[in-house]
Amino acid sequence: MADNVKVPVGACRCPGRPHRGGDAVYLHPTITVPMGIAAMYAIRRGAGEGMTEADLRGTLAEVYLHHAIVEWTFTDEAQEPIPVSPSAVDRLLPFAHGGMEVAVKADSIYSEDLLRPLVPATPTSSPAGQTDASTSASRTTGPKPPKPSRRSSPNGTAGKLSEVPVP
């Protein structure tokens, strides 16, 4: 528990309220292999289905809740620790009673390392040396530009008053 990350999840909900200070969940300090594999599989599966960022965050929250929890302070009627399992997580950590806090904390711990392999490497500067000569863009598709129209007035008379008097 020393290196694990403590996440307070509210007042003690255990039968008989055996401990003060409220309940807490403890997360792995880094991504475990099962957590990473579960997240990568979920992301790949969702990418083929047009996953939005909201879908991705929801999927990762489920992975975090089911794979990142090392232990917690929840106990049963006999005041024995309740084993961490996906069904116990779903029952004891609903969104409004600790689930959100755990998911947000887990996301802050794991998301950068988890998502880094998905971001393509981009150079931060241009390579040293001479680059190829630039060329003008050529139009290969689309309509041809319109031809200029002919002048409506003889050369040199545009915008001048007529010398012919108007009756």
N, C-alpha and C. Protein backbone atom coordinates (compact mmCIF):
# COMPACT_ATOMS: atom_id res chain seq x y z
N MET A 1 0.82 -1.19 0.00
CA MET A 1 0.00 0.00 0.00
C MET A 1 0.87 1.26 0.00
N ALA A 2 2.15 1.14 0.30
CA ALA A 2 3.02 2.31 0.44
C ALA A 2 3.14 3.09 -0.87
N ASP A 3 3.39 2.42 -1.99
CA ASP A 3 3.56 3.10 -3.27
C ASP A 3 2.25 3.29 -4.01
N ASN A 4 1.21 2.61 -3.59
CA ASN A 4 -0.07 2.72 -4.26
C ASN A 4 -0.67 4.10 -4.05
N VAL A 5 -1.52 4.51 -4.96
CA VAL A 5 -2.12 5.85 -4.93
C VAL A 5 -3.48 5.78 -4.24
N LYS A 6 -3.63 6.52 -3.15
CA LYS A 6 -4.87 6.53 -2.39
C LYS A 6 -5.87 7.50 -3.02
N VAL A 7 -7.11 7.02 -3.17
CA VAL A 7 -8.19 7.87 -3.67
C VAL A 7 -9.33 7.81 -2.66
N PRO A 8 -9.60 8.90 -1.92
CA PRO A 8 -10.74 8.91 -1.01
C PRO A 8 -12.04 8.85 -1.82
N VAL A 9 -12.99 8.01 -1.36
CA VAL A 9 -14.24 7.83 -2.12
C VAL A 9 -15.47 8.13 -1.28
N GLY A 10 -15.33 8.89 -0.22
CA GLY A 10 -16.49 9.30 0.57
C GLY A 10 -16.55 8.64 1.93
N ALA A 11 -17.65 8.93 2.62
CA ALA A 11 -17.87 8.39 3.96
C ALA A 11 -17.93 6.87 3.92
N CYS A 12 -17.54 6.24 5.01
CA CYS A 12 -17.56 4.78 5.10
C CYS A 12 -18.96 4.26 4.89
N ARG A 13 -19.09 3.32 3.96
CA ARG A 13 -20.39 2.70 3.66
C ARG A 13 -20.45 1.27 4.15
N CYS A 14 -19.42 0.82 4.82
CA CYS A 14 -19.36 -0.56 5.28
C CYS A 14 -20.39 -0.79 6.39
N PRO A 15 -20.93 -2.01 6.49
CA PRO A 15 -21.87 -2.31 7.58
C PRO A 15 -21.20 -2.07 8.93
N GLY A 16 -21.86 -1.34 9.81
CA GLY A 16 -21.30 -1.05 11.12
C GLY A 16 -20.28 0.08 11.12
N ARG A 17 -19.98 0.61 9.96
CA ARG A 17 -19.01 1.71 9.80
C ARG A 17 -17.75 1.48 10.66
N PRO A 18 -16.97 0.47 10.33
CA PRO A 18 -15.83 0.11 11.18
C PRO A 18 -14.64 1.05 11.12
N HIS A 19 -14.53 1.93 10.16
CA HIS A 19 -13.34 2.79 10.13
C HIS A 19 -13.71 4.26 9.92
N ARG A 20 -12.91 5.10 10.51
CA ARG A 20 -13.10 6.54 10.41
C ARG A 20 -12.36 7.06 9.19
N GLY A 21 -12.69 8.27 8.81
CA GLY A 21 -11.98 8.89 7.70
C GLY A 21 -12.53 8.52 6.34
N GLY A 22 -13.54 7.71 6.30
CA GLY A 22 -14.15 7.35 5.02
C GLY A 22 -13.46 6.20 4.33
N ASP A 23 -14.07 5.79 3.24
CA ASP A 23 -13.51 4.70 2.43
C ASP A 23 -12.47 5.25 1.47
N ALA A 24 -11.57 4.36 1.08
CA ALA A 24 -10.53 4.73 0.12
C ALA A 24 -10.27 3.56 -0.81
N VAL A 25 -9.85 3.90 -2.00
CA VAL A 25 -9.45 2.93 -3.02
C VAL A 25 -7.97 3.18 -3.29
N TYR A 26 -7.20 2.14 -3.50
CA TYR A 26 -5.77 2.27 -3.78
C TYR A 26 -5.49 1.75 -5.17
N LEU A 27 -4.83 2.60 -5.97
CA LEU A 27 -4.53 2.28 -7.37
C LEU A 27 -3.06 1.93 -7.55
N HIS A 28 -2.78 1.08 -8.55
CA HIS A 28 -1.40 0.82 -8.94
C HIS A 28 -0.74 2.15 -9.28
N PRO A 29 0.54 2.34 -8.93
CA PRO A 29 1.20 3.61 -9.25
C PRO A 29 1.53 3.76 -10.74
N THR A 30 1.58 2.65 -11.48
CA THR A 30 1.86 2.69 -12.92
C THR A 30 0.93 1.70 -13.62
N ILE A 31 0.93 1.76 -14.93
CA ILE A 31 0.10 0.86 -15.73
C ILE A 31 0.63 -0.57 -15.61
N THR A 32 -0.26 -1.50 -15.29
CA THR A 32 0.13 -2.91 -15.25
C THR A 32 -0.05 -3.48 -16.66
N VAL A 33 0.55 -4.62 -16.91
CA VAL A 33 0.42 -5.26 -18.22
C VAL A 33 -1.05 -5.59 -18.51
N PRO A 34 -1.79 -6.23 -17.59
CA PRO A 34 -3.20 -6.51 -17.91
C PRO A 34 -4.01 -5.23 -18.20
N MET A 35 -3.74 -4.16 -17.46
CA MET A 35 -4.46 -2.91 -17.68
C MET A 35 -4.11 -2.36 -19.07
N GLY A 36 -2.84 -2.34 -19.41
CA GLY A 36 -2.41 -1.82 -20.71
C GLY A 36 -2.97 -2.62 -21.86
N ILE A 37 -2.94 -3.95 -21.74
CA ILE A 37 -3.47 -4.81 -22.81
C ILE A 37 -4.98 -4.61 -22.95
N ALA A 38 -5.70 -4.55 -21.83
CA ALA A 38 -7.15 -4.33 -21.88
C ALA A 38 -7.47 -2.99 -22.53
N ALA A 39 -6.72 -1.97 -22.19
CA ALA A 39 -6.96 -0.64 -22.76
C ALA A 39 -6.65 -0.63 -24.25
N MET A 40 -5.52 -1.19 -24.66
CA MET A 40 -5.16 -1.20 -26.08
C MET A 40 -6.18 -1.98 -26.90
N TYR A 41 -6.64 -3.12 -26.40
CA TYR A 41 -7.65 -3.91 -27.12
C TYR A 41 -8.94 -3.11 -27.25
N ALA A 42 -9.37 -2.47 -26.17
CA ALA A 42 -10.61 -1.68 -26.20
C ALA A 42 -10.49 -0.51 -27.17
N ILE A 43 -9.33 0.14 -27.19
CA ILE A 43 -9.13 1.26 -28.10
C ILE A 43 -9.14 0.79 -29.55
N ARG A 44 -8.45 -0.28 -29.84
CA ARG A 44 -8.42 -0.81 -31.22
C ARG A 44 -9.80 -1.25 -31.68
N ARG A 45 -10.52 -1.91 -30.81
CA ARG A 45 -11.89 -2.34 -31.14
C ARG A 45 -12.77 -1.12 -31.42
N GLY A 46 -12.67 -0.12 -30.58
CA GLY A 46 -13.48 1.08 -30.75
C GLY A 46 -13.09 1.92 -31.95
N ALA A 47 -11.82 1.91 -32.33
CA ALA A 47 -11.37 2.69 -33.48
C ALA A 47 -12.07 2.24 -34.75
N GLY A 48 -12.33 0.95 -34.86
CA GLY A 48 -13.02 0.43 -36.03
C GLY A 48 -14.50 0.75 -36.03
N GLU A 49 -15.01 1.18 -34.89
CA GLU A 49 -16.43 1.49 -34.76
C GLU A 49 -16.68 2.99 -34.70
N GLY A 50 -15.69 3.81 -35.04
CA GLY A 50 -15.87 5.26 -35.03
C GLY A 50 -15.98 5.84 -33.64
N MET A 51 -15.15 5.39 -32.72
CA MET A 51 -15.18 5.83 -31.32
C MET A 51 -14.91 7.33 -31.21
N THR A 52 -15.76 8.02 -30.46
CA THR A 52 -15.54 9.44 -30.19
C THR A 52 -14.63 9.57 -28.97
N GLU A 53 -14.19 10.80 -28.68
CA GLU A 53 -13.36 10.99 -27.49
C GLU A 53 -14.13 10.63 -26.22
N ALA A 54 -15.42 10.96 -26.18
CA ALA A 54 -16.23 10.61 -25.01
C ALA A 54 -16.31 9.09 -24.85
N ASP A 55 -16.47 8.37 -25.98
CA ASP A 55 -16.50 6.91 -25.93
C ASP A 55 -15.16 6.38 -25.41
N LEU A 56 -14.08 6.96 -25.89
CA LEU A 56 -12.74 6.53 -25.47
C LEU A 56 -12.56 6.73 -23.96
N ARG A 57 -12.96 7.90 -23.45
CA ARG A 57 -12.82 8.18 -22.02
C ARG A 57 -13.67 7.21 -21.19
N GLY A 58 -14.87 6.91 -21.65
CA GLY A 58 -15.72 5.96 -20.95
C GLY A 58 -15.13 4.55 -20.95
N THR A 59 -14.59 4.15 -22.08
CA THR A 59 -13.95 2.84 -22.19
C THR A 59 -12.74 2.74 -21.27
N LEU A 60 -11.92 3.79 -21.26
CA LEU A 60 -10.75 3.79 -20.38
C LEU A 60 -11.15 3.80 -18.91
N ALA A 61 -12.22 4.51 -18.57
CA ALA A 61 -12.69 4.52 -17.17
C ALA A 61 -13.05 3.10 -16.73
N GLU A 62 -13.71 2.35 -17.60
CA GLU A 62 -14.06 0.97 -17.26
C GLU A 62 -12.80 0.12 -17.08
N VAL A 63 -11.83 0.30 -17.96
CA VAL A 63 -10.56 -0.43 -17.83
C VAL A 63 -9.89 -0.07 -16.51
N TYR A 64 -9.83 1.22 -16.21
CA TYR A 64 -9.20 1.65 -14.96
C TYR A 64 -9.90 1.04 -13.75
N LEU A 65 -11.21 1.14 -13.72
CA LEU A 65 -11.96 0.63 -12.56
C LEU A 65 -11.80 -0.88 -12.40
N HIS A 66 -11.71 -1.61 -13.49
CA HIS A 66 -11.62 -3.06 -13.40
C HIS A 66 -10.20 -3.60 -13.32
N HIS A 67 -9.19 -2.77 -13.62
CA HIS A 67 -7.81 -3.28 -13.64
C HIS A 67 -6.82 -2.50 -12.78
N ALA A 68 -7.15 -1.28 -12.38
CA ALA A 68 -6.16 -0.45 -11.68
C ALA A 68 -6.24 -0.54 -10.16
N ILE A 69 -7.35 -1.03 -9.64
CA ILE A 69 -7.53 -1.05 -8.18
C ILE A 69 -6.75 -2.21 -7.57
N VAL A 70 -5.86 -1.87 -6.66
CA VAL A 70 -5.05 -2.87 -5.95
C VAL A 70 -5.83 -3.39 -4.75
N GLU A 71 -6.39 -2.46 -3.98
CA GLU A 71 -7.17 -2.81 -2.79
C GLU A 71 -8.05 -1.63 -2.42
N TRP A 72 -8.89 -1.85 -1.40
CA TRP A 72 -9.77 -0.80 -0.90
C TRP A 72 -10.14 -1.09 0.54
N THR A 73 -10.87 -0.18 1.13
CA THR A 73 -11.22 -0.33 2.55
C THR A 73 -12.61 -0.91 2.76
N PHE A 74 -13.30 -1.32 1.71
CA PHE A 74 -14.65 -1.86 1.86
C PHE A 74 -14.62 -3.21 2.58
N THR A 75 -15.53 -3.37 3.55
CA THR A 75 -15.64 -4.63 4.28
C THR A 75 -17.09 -5.12 4.25
N ASP A 76 -17.26 -6.41 4.55
CA ASP A 76 -18.60 -7.00 4.57
C ASP A 76 -19.19 -6.94 5.99
N GLU A 77 -20.30 -7.64 6.21
CA GLU A 77 -20.98 -7.63 7.51
C GLU A 77 -20.10 -8.12 8.65
N ALA A 78 -19.20 -9.04 8.33
CA ALA A 78 -18.28 -9.58 9.35
C ALA A 78 -17.02 -8.72 9.48
N GLN A 79 -17.03 -7.58 8.83
CA GLN A 79 -15.92 -6.64 8.80
C GLN A 79 -14.66 -7.24 8.18
N GLU A 80 -14.86 -8.18 7.27
CA GLU A 80 -13.77 -8.77 6.49
C GLU A 80 -13.64 -7.98 5.19
N PRO A 81 -12.42 -7.80 4.71
CA PRO A 81 -12.25 -7.06 3.45
C PRO A 81 -13.00 -7.75 2.29
N ILE A 82 -13.66 -6.94 1.49
CA ILE A 82 -14.34 -7.46 0.28
C ILE A 82 -13.28 -7.53 -0.82
N PRO A 83 -13.11 -8.71 -1.43
CA PRO A 83 -12.11 -8.82 -2.51
C PRO A 83 -12.47 -7.91 -3.68
N VAL A 84 -11.45 -7.34 -4.29
CA VAL A 84 -11.64 -6.49 -5.47
C VAL A 84 -11.93 -7.40 -6.66
N SER A 85 -13.03 -7.14 -7.34
CA SER A 85 -13.41 -7.87 -8.55
C SER A 85 -14.27 -6.93 -9.39
N PRO A 86 -14.40 -7.20 -10.69
CA PRO A 86 -15.23 -6.32 -11.53
C PRO A 86 -16.66 -6.18 -11.00
N SER A 87 -17.27 -7.27 -10.53
CA SER A 87 -18.65 -7.17 -10.03
C SER A 87 -18.71 -6.36 -8.74
N ALA A 88 -17.70 -6.51 -7.87
CA ALA A 88 -17.67 -5.73 -6.63
C ALA A 88 -17.41 -4.25 -6.94
N VAL A 89 -16.57 -3.98 -7.92
CA VAL A 89 -16.32 -2.60 -8.34
C VAL A 89 -17.61 -1.96 -8.83
N ASP A 90 -18.32 -2.66 -9.71
CA ASP A 90 -19.56 -2.12 -10.26
C ASP A 90 -20.59 -1.86 -9.16
N ARG A 91 -20.61 -2.71 -8.16
CA ARG A 91 -21.58 -2.57 -7.06
C ARG A 91 -21.17 -1.49 -6.06
N LEU A 92 -19.90 -1.43 -5.71
CA LEU A 92 -19.44 -0.55 -4.63
C LEU A 92 -18.95 0.83 -5.08
N LEU A 93 -18.68 0.97 -6.37
CA LEU A 93 -18.17 2.25 -6.87
C LEU A 93 -19.02 2.80 -8.02
N PRO A 94 -20.28 3.08 -7.77
CA PRO A 94 -21.06 3.72 -8.83
C PRO A 94 -20.53 5.13 -9.07
N PHE A 95 -20.88 5.71 -10.18
CA PHE A 95 -20.36 7.02 -10.58
C PHE A 95 -20.46 8.06 -9.47
N ALA A 96 -21.63 8.20 -8.87
CA ALA A 96 -21.87 9.26 -7.88
C ALA A 96 -21.34 8.93 -6.48
N HIS A 97 -20.81 7.72 -6.28
CA HIS A 97 -20.32 7.33 -4.96
C HIS A 97 -18.92 6.75 -5.05
N GLY A 98 -18.02 7.54 -5.63
CA GLY A 98 -16.62 7.14 -5.68
C GLY A 98 -16.10 6.74 -7.04
N GLY A 99 -16.97 6.25 -7.91
CA GLY A 99 -16.53 5.81 -9.23
C GLY A 99 -15.90 6.94 -10.04
N MET A 100 -16.53 8.11 -10.00
CA MET A 100 -15.98 9.24 -10.75
C MET A 100 -14.61 9.63 -10.21
N GLU A 101 -14.48 9.71 -8.89
CA GLU A 101 -13.19 10.10 -8.30
C GLU A 101 -12.08 9.12 -8.69
N VAL A 102 -12.38 7.84 -8.66
CA VAL A 102 -11.37 6.84 -9.01
C VAL A 102 -11.02 6.94 -10.49
N ALA A 103 -12.03 7.07 -11.36
CA ALA A 103 -11.78 7.16 -12.80
C ALA A 103 -10.96 8.40 -13.14
N VAL A 104 -11.28 9.54 -12.55
CA VAL A 104 -10.56 10.78 -12.82
C VAL A 104 -9.11 10.68 -12.35
N LYS A 105 -8.91 10.16 -11.15
CA LYS A 105 -7.54 10.01 -10.63
C LYS A 105 -6.75 9.03 -11.49
N ALA A 106 -7.36 7.91 -11.85
CA ALA A 106 -6.67 6.93 -12.69
C ALA A 106 -6.31 7.53 -14.04
N ASP A 107 -7.22 8.28 -14.62
CA ASP A 107 -6.94 8.92 -15.91
C ASP A 107 -5.76 9.87 -15.80
N SER A 108 -5.68 10.60 -14.68
CA SER A 108 -4.55 11.53 -14.51
C SER A 108 -3.23 10.79 -14.34
N ILE A 109 -3.27 9.59 -13.80
CA ILE A 109 -2.06 8.80 -13.59
C ILE A 109 -1.62 8.09 -14.86
N TYR A 110 -2.58 7.49 -15.59
CA TYR A 110 -2.25 6.55 -16.65
C TYR A 110 -2.39 7.05 -18.08
N SER A 111 -3.25 8.01 -18.35
CA SER A 111 -3.62 8.31 -19.74
C SER A 111 -2.43 8.73 -20.61
N GLU A 112 -1.52 9.53 -20.09
CA GLU A 112 -0.40 9.97 -20.92
C GLU A 112 0.44 8.78 -21.39
N ASP A 113 0.82 7.91 -20.47
CA ASP A 113 1.62 6.74 -20.85
C ASP A 113 0.83 5.76 -21.71
N LEU A 114 -0.45 5.64 -21.44
CA LEU A 114 -1.27 4.70 -22.18
C LEU A 114 -1.51 5.16 -23.61
N LEU A 115 -1.72 6.45 -23.80
CA LEU A 115 -2.05 6.96 -25.13
C LEU A 115 -0.83 7.36 -25.95
N ARG A 116 0.33 7.49 -25.32
CA ARG A 116 1.55 7.89 -26.04
C ARG A 116 1.84 7.01 -27.25
N PRO A 117 1.74 5.69 -27.16
CA PRO A 117 2.05 4.88 -28.35
C PRO A 117 1.08 5.11 -29.51
N LEU A 118 -0.07 5.70 -29.24
CA LEU A 118 -1.05 5.92 -30.30
C LEU A 118 -0.82 7.22 -31.06
N VAL A 119 0.02 8.11 -30.52
CA VAL A 119 0.29 9.38 -31.16
C VAL A 119 1.48 9.20 -32.09
N PRO A 120 1.29 9.46 -33.40
CA PRO A 120 2.40 9.27 -34.33
C PRO A 120 3.53 10.24 -34.03
N ALA A 121 4.75 9.74 -34.18
CA ALA A 121 5.92 10.59 -33.95
C ALA A 121 6.00 11.63 -35.05
N THR A 122 6.16 12.89 -34.67
CA THR A 122 6.30 13.97 -35.64
C THR A 122 7.58 14.71 -35.32
N PRO A 123 8.35 15.04 -36.35
CA PRO A 123 9.58 15.77 -36.09
C PRO A 123 9.26 17.17 -35.57
N THR A 124 10.09 17.65 -34.66
CA THR A 124 9.86 18.98 -34.09
C THR A 124 10.54 20.06 -34.91
N SER A 125 11.48 19.68 -35.82
CA SER A 125 12.14 20.67 -36.67
C SER A 125 12.43 20.03 -38.01
N SER A 126 12.76 20.87 -38.98
CA SER A 126 13.10 20.38 -40.31
C SER A 126 14.48 19.74 -40.27
N PRO A 127 14.70 18.75 -41.12
CA PRO A 127 16.03 18.15 -41.15
C PRO A 127 17.06 19.16 -41.65
N ALA A 128 18.32 18.99 -41.20
CA ALA A 128 19.39 19.88 -41.61
C ALA A 128 19.71 19.65 -43.08
N GLY A 129 20.19 20.70 -43.76
CA GLY A 129 20.60 20.56 -45.15
C GLY A 129 19.62 21.20 -46.10
N GLN A 130 19.99 21.13 -47.39
CA GLN A 130 19.20 21.77 -48.43
C GLN A 130 17.95 20.93 -48.71
N THR A 131 16.87 21.62 -48.99
CA THR A 131 15.63 20.93 -49.34
C THR A 131 15.41 21.01 -50.83
N ASP A 132 14.51 20.19 -51.35
CA ASP A 132 14.20 20.21 -52.77
C ASP A 132 13.68 21.59 -53.16
N ALA A 133 13.92 21.94 -54.42
CA ALA A 133 13.41 23.22 -54.92
C ALA A 133 11.89 23.19 -54.92
N SER A 134 11.30 24.34 -54.63
CA SER A 134 9.84 24.37 -54.61
C SER A 134 9.30 24.50 -56.01
N THR A 135 8.11 24.04 -56.20
CA THR A 135 7.44 24.15 -57.49
C THR A 135 6.09 24.78 -57.27
N SER A 136 5.59 25.39 -58.30
CA SER A 136 4.27 26.00 -58.22
C SER A 136 3.22 24.90 -58.26
N ALA A 137 2.13 25.18 -57.60
CA ALA A 137 1.03 24.21 -57.61
C ALA A 137 0.43 24.17 -59.00
N SER A 138 0.06 23.00 -59.43
CA SER A 138 -0.59 22.88 -60.73
C SER A 138 -2.01 22.40 -60.51
N ARG A 139 -2.89 22.96 -61.28
CA ARG A 139 -4.30 22.61 -61.17
C ARG A 139 -4.53 21.39 -62.04
N THR A 140 -4.95 20.29 -61.41
CA THR A 140 -5.17 19.07 -62.17
C THR A 140 -6.64 18.70 -62.25
N THR A 141 -7.44 19.25 -61.36
CA THR A 141 -8.86 18.93 -61.39
C THR A 141 -9.68 20.19 -61.19
N GLY A 142 -10.94 20.08 -61.42
CA GLY A 142 -11.84 21.20 -61.19
C GLY A 142 -12.11 21.97 -62.48
N PRO A 143 -13.03 22.92 -62.40
CA PRO A 143 -13.39 23.67 -63.61
C PRO A 143 -12.27 24.63 -64.00
N LYS A 144 -12.24 24.97 -65.32
CA LYS A 144 -11.26 25.93 -65.81
C LYS A 144 -11.67 27.32 -65.34
N PRO A 145 -10.69 28.19 -65.09
CA PRO A 145 -11.05 29.54 -64.67
C PRO A 145 -11.76 30.28 -65.80
N PRO A 146 -12.68 31.21 -65.49
CA PRO A 146 -13.41 31.92 -66.55
C PRO A 146 -12.47 32.84 -67.32
N LYS A 147 -12.80 33.04 -68.62
CA LYS A 147 -12.02 33.96 -69.44
C LYS A 147 -12.47 35.37 -69.10
N PRO A 148 -11.54 36.33 -69.14
CA PRO A 148 -11.94 37.72 -68.86
C PRO A 148 -12.94 38.19 -69.90
N SER A 149 -13.90 39.00 -69.48
CA SER A 149 -14.91 39.52 -70.41
C SER A 149 -14.33 40.68 -71.21
N ARG A 150 -14.96 40.97 -72.33
CA ARG A 150 -14.52 42.08 -73.18
C ARG A 150 -14.95 43.38 -72.55
N ARG A 151 -14.22 44.44 -72.86
CA ARG A 151 -14.56 45.76 -72.35
C ARG A 151 -15.89 46.21 -72.94
N SER A 152 -16.67 46.87 -72.09
CA SER A 152 -17.96 47.36 -72.58
C SER A 152 -17.87 48.77 -73.16
N SER A 153 -16.76 49.42 -72.94
CA SER A 153 -16.60 50.77 -73.50
C SER A 153 -15.29 50.83 -74.26
N PRO A 154 -15.21 51.72 -75.24
CA PRO A 154 -13.97 51.83 -76.02
C PRO A 154 -12.80 52.22 -75.12
N ASN A 155 -11.60 51.87 -75.57
CA ASN A 155 -10.39 52.19 -74.79
C ASN A 155 -10.32 53.67 -74.43
N GLY A 156 -10.03 53.95 -73.19
CA GLY A 156 -9.81 55.31 -72.75
C GLY A 156 -11.07 56.08 -72.41
N THR A 157 -12.27 55.53 -72.60
CA THR A 157 -13.49 56.30 -72.32
C THR A 157 -14.22 55.80 -71.09
N ALA A 158 -13.77 54.74 -70.47
CA ALA A 158 -14.46 54.18 -69.31
C ALA A 158 -14.47 55.19 -68.18
N GLY A 159 -15.64 55.49 -67.63
CA GLY A 159 -15.79 56.38 -66.50
C GLY A 159 -15.80 57.86 -66.84
N LYS A 160 -15.69 58.24 -68.13
CA LYS A 160 -15.69 59.65 -68.52
C LYS A 160 -17.08 60.04 -68.99
N LEU A 161 -17.41 61.30 -68.79
CA LEU A 161 -18.69 61.83 -69.27
C LEU A 161 -18.68 61.91 -70.79
N SER A 162 -19.83 61.67 -71.38
CA SER A 162 -19.95 61.75 -72.82
C SER A 162 -19.94 63.22 -73.24
N GLU A 163 -19.36 63.49 -74.39
CA GLU A 163 -19.34 64.85 -74.89
C GLU A 163 -20.62 65.19 -75.63
N VAL A 164 -21.49 64.18 -75.81
CA VAL A 164 -22.74 64.45 -76.53
C VAL A 164 -23.74 65.02 -75.55
N PRO A 165 -24.29 66.25 -75.81
CA PRO A 165 -25.22 66.83 -74.89
C PRO A 165 -26.53 66.05 -74.86
N VAL A 166 -27.09 65.94 -73.72
CA VAL A 166 -28.37 65.25 -73.55
C VAL A 166 -29.46 66.31 -73.63
N PRO A 167 -30.52 66.16 -74.53
CA PRO A 167 -31.55 67.19 -74.68
C PRO A 167 -32.48 67.28 -73.51
